[in-house]
Amino acid sequence: MSRIPNYNPAEHTPTLEDLCCSRRQFLERTGMGMGALSLASILGTSWLGDSSAHAAPALAPLAPRQPHFAAKAKAVIHIFAEGGPSQVDTWDPKPALTQYADKTLPGLNGLAFPSPFTFTKRGQAGIEVSEVFPKLGECVDDMAIVRSMWTDIPAHEVAQRFMNTGSLQLPKPCVGSWVVYGLGTEN
């Protein structure tokens, strides 16, 4: 059941006619896009009237650029530990797991298994940090810990793509791309 009201999947399912086209139809559908790409590379960025240092040469799309807005952060460290320790043992305490230790969770199958590690409130913000990270707990006020992410997708590889890109479809920019977009790059 879809969460979108009045959503009819049949309207969005490609038909054989959508996938097959003649050479003439292909050129009609994509010709203007190809022409616009060619024109943009020929004219460069100067035709937009932007001669400032913010405009990167059109022939070097990966050249260092200034960010769109002044960044408050100087760097971002994104820790993504694929196959690493559980969030329940590191950054996300679940007190209800202790309450239901070795019992079935309401509405779910299987037994609750609480973390063997203790969490203590650290820093001025009182963020709960696992004993696994005693040194990181000393600088927790300088960190942003996101505990609000969730997914209803049980497949890890699909959920990882969703977590890193915000979409289940490929290709989409990942977290690192957005950081470089927001902060700019020095390389």
Protein backbone atom coordinates (compact mmCIF):
# COMPACT_ATOMS: atom_id res chain seq x y z
CA MET A 1 0.00 0.00 0.00
CA SER A 2 1.42 3.32 -1.03
CA ARG A 3 1.69 6.27 1.34
CA ILE A 4 0.88 8.69 -1.48
CA PRO A 5 -2.86 9.39 -1.74
CA ASN A 6 -4.50 8.55 -5.08
CA TYR A 7 -1.30 6.91 -6.31
CA ASN A 8 -1.82 4.46 -9.14
CA PRO A 9 1.34 2.44 -9.88
CA ALA A 10 -0.01 1.45 -13.29
CA GLU A 11 0.25 5.08 -14.42
CA HIS A 12 3.99 5.15 -13.65
CA THR A 13 4.98 1.73 -14.92
CA PRO A 14 6.89 1.94 -18.23
CA THR A 15 5.27 0.20 -21.16
CA LEU A 16 7.02 -1.45 -24.08
CA GLU A 17 6.24 1.60 -26.21
CA ASP A 18 8.05 3.83 -23.68
CA LEU A 19 11.19 1.73 -23.84
CA CYS A 20 11.40 1.29 -27.62
CA CYS A 21 11.70 4.12 -30.08
CA SER A 22 12.96 4.70 -33.57
CA ARG A 23 16.17 6.60 -34.32
CA ARG A 24 14.10 9.60 -35.39
CA GLN A 25 12.13 9.56 -32.11
CA PHE A 26 15.36 9.24 -30.09
CA LEU A 27 16.86 12.31 -31.79
CA GLU A 28 13.62 14.26 -31.34
CA ARG A 29 13.56 13.47 -27.62
CA THR A 30 17.25 14.07 -26.87
CA GLY A 31 18.46 16.40 -29.60
CA MET A 32 17.78 19.65 -27.77
CA GLY A 33 19.45 18.36 -24.62
CA MET A 34 22.59 17.38 -26.53
CA GLY A 35 22.63 20.74 -28.28
CA ALA A 36 22.30 22.62 -24.99
CA LEU A 37 25.19 20.63 -23.49
CA SER A 38 27.38 21.41 -26.49
CA LEU A 39 26.46 25.09 -26.42
CA ALA A 40 27.22 25.38 -22.70
CA SER A 41 30.68 23.88 -23.15
CA ILE A 42 31.44 26.15 -26.10
CA LEU A 43 30.29 29.38 -24.43
CA GLY A 44 31.67 28.61 -20.99
CA THR A 45 30.57 30.62 -17.97
CA SER A 46 31.46 34.06 -19.35
CA TRP A 47 28.23 34.34 -21.34
CA LEU A 48 26.31 34.39 -18.06
CA GLY A 49 28.02 37.66 -17.19
CA ASP A 50 29.78 36.12 -14.18
CA SER A 51 33.42 37.10 -14.41
CA SER A 52 34.08 36.82 -10.67
CA ALA A 53 36.44 34.35 -9.05
CA HIS A 54 33.43 32.20 -8.11
CA ALA A 55 32.96 31.03 -11.68
CA ALA A 56 35.05 27.97 -12.47
CA PRO A 57 36.18 27.33 -16.03
CA ALA A 58 33.66 25.27 -17.98
CA LEU A 59 36.37 22.89 -19.12
CA ALA A 60 37.33 22.01 -15.53
CA PRO A 61 34.11 21.03 -13.75
CA LEU A 62 36.06 19.54 -10.81
CA ALA A 63 38.18 22.65 -10.24
CA PRO A 64 38.09 24.11 -6.69
CA ARG A 65 35.21 26.50 -6.16
CA GLN A 66 34.00 28.80 -3.46
CA PRO A 67 30.87 27.61 -1.63
CA HIS A 68 27.51 29.23 -2.31
CA PHE A 69 27.25 30.44 1.27
CA ALA A 70 29.89 31.12 3.90
CA ALA A 71 30.41 27.90 5.82
CA LYS A 72 30.14 27.84 9.59
CA ALA A 73 32.01 24.52 9.75
CA LYS A 74 35.57 24.09 8.51
CA ALA A 75 35.26 20.34 8.03
CA VAL A 76 32.80 17.48 8.28
CA ILE A 77 33.73 14.03 9.45
CA HIS A 78 31.06 11.58 8.46
CA ILE A 79 31.50 8.22 10.16
CA PHE A 80 29.82 5.46 8.23
CA ALA A 81 30.93 2.13 9.62
CA GLU A 82 29.50 -0.44 7.23
CA GLY A 83 29.65 -3.73 9.06
CA GLY A 84 30.88 -1.89 12.15
CA PRO A 85 29.57 -2.05 15.69
CA SER A 86 25.88 -1.65 16.33
CA GLN A 87 24.45 1.83 16.95
CA VAL A 88 22.92 0.38 20.13
CA ASP A 89 26.44 -0.22 21.49
CA THR A 90 27.96 3.07 20.29
CA TRP A 91 25.82 6.21 19.85
CA ASP A 92 22.14 5.29 20.28
CA PRO A 93 21.12 4.10 23.75
CA LYS A 94 17.90 2.13 23.89
CA PRO A 95 16.68 1.99 27.51
CA ALA A 96 13.64 -0.08 26.51
CA LEU A 97 15.96 -2.90 25.47
CA THR A 98 17.16 -3.16 29.07
CA GLN A 99 13.56 -3.17 30.28
CA TYR A 100 12.69 -6.06 27.93
CA ALA A 101 16.00 -7.94 28.26
CA ASP A 102 15.56 -11.57 27.13
CA LYS A 103 11.83 -10.97 26.57
CA THR A 104 9.83 -10.56 23.40
CA LEU A 105 9.36 -6.92 22.37
CA PRO A 106 5.69 -5.92 22.01
CA GLY A 107 4.54 -6.40 18.43
CA LEU A 108 7.81 -7.97 17.26
CA ASN A 109 9.36 -11.41 17.03
CA GLY A 110 12.59 -12.36 18.76
CA LEU A 111 14.11 -11.44 22.09
CA ALA A 112 15.43 -8.05 23.15
CA PHE A 113 19.20 -7.95 23.55
CA PRO A 114 20.35 -4.84 25.44
CA SER A 115 23.81 -3.34 25.04
CA PRO A 116 26.44 -4.68 27.42
CA PHE A 117 27.99 -1.18 27.54
CA THR A 118 26.89 1.70 29.75
CA PHE A 119 26.01 5.15 28.49
CA THR A 120 26.83 8.29 30.47
CA LYS A 121 25.83 11.89 29.84
CA ARG A 122 28.86 13.82 28.64
CA GLY A 123 29.63 17.46 27.87
CA GLN A 124 27.55 20.54 28.54
CA ALA A 125 24.80 19.20 26.28
CA GLY A 126 24.49 15.99 28.30
CA ILE A 127 24.66 13.76 25.26
CA GLU A 128 24.70 10.09 26.17
CA VAL A 129 27.93 8.46 24.98
CA SER A 130 28.85 4.81 25.26
CA GLU A 131 31.82 3.71 27.32
CA VAL A 132 33.18 2.39 24.03
CA PHE A 133 34.22 5.99 23.18
CA PRO A 134 35.77 7.50 26.35
CA LYS A 135 37.95 10.04 24.46
CA LEU A 136 35.22 11.10 22.03
CA GLY A 137 32.99 11.77 25.02
CA GLU A 138 35.39 14.57 26.01
CA CYS A 139 34.63 16.55 22.83
CA VAL A 140 30.99 15.58 22.33
CA ASP A 141 29.87 19.24 22.47
CA ASP A 142 31.69 19.83 19.17
CA MET A 143 29.85 16.97 17.45
CA ALA A 144 26.47 16.57 15.81
CA ILE A 145 25.01 13.15 16.54
CA VAL A 146 21.98 12.23 14.45
CA ARG A 147 19.71 9.71 16.14
CA SER A 148 16.52 10.41 14.21
CA MET A 149 17.22 8.37 11.09
CA TRP A 150 15.23 5.22 10.50
CA THR A 151 14.13 2.99 7.69
CA ASP A 152 11.54 0.30 7.18
CA ILE A 153 13.78 -1.46 4.68
CA PRO A 154 15.23 -4.67 6.11
CA ALA A 155 17.85 -5.14 3.35
CA HIS A 156 21.12 -3.60 4.51
CA GLU A 157 22.55 -2.70 1.08
CA VAL A 158 19.38 -0.88 0.01
CA ALA A 159 19.06 0.84 3.39
CA GLN A 160 22.72 1.96 3.14
CA ARG A 161 22.08 3.56 -0.25
CA PHE A 162 19.00 5.26 1.19
CA MET A 163 20.97 6.51 4.21
CA ASN A 164 23.86 7.87 2.12
CA THR A 165 21.81 9.42 -0.70
CA GLY A 166 18.29 9.92 0.64
CA SER A 167 16.89 7.99 -2.31
CA LEU A 168 16.40 4.41 -3.37
CA GLN A 169 17.08 5.26 -7.00
CA LEU A 170 20.52 5.52 -8.57
CA PRO A 171 22.38 7.69 -9.31
CA LYS A 172 21.92 10.30 -6.62
CA PRO A 173 24.54 12.45 -4.86
CA CYS A 174 25.75 11.07 -1.56
CA VAL A 175 26.47 12.81 1.74
CA GLY A 176 30.07 13.53 0.69
CA SER A 177 28.89 15.27 -2.48
CA TRP A 178 26.61 17.54 -0.49
CA VAL A 179 29.40 18.38 1.96
CA VAL A 180 31.70 19.40 -0.91
CA TYR A 181 28.82 21.34 -2.46
CA GLY A 182 28.13 23.19 0.78
CA LEU A 183 31.66 23.75 2.08
CA GLY A 184 33.54 23.97 -1.18
CA THR A 185 36.76 22.07 -1.74
CA GLU A 186 40.45 22.75 -1.32
CA ASN A 187 41.69 19.97 -3.61
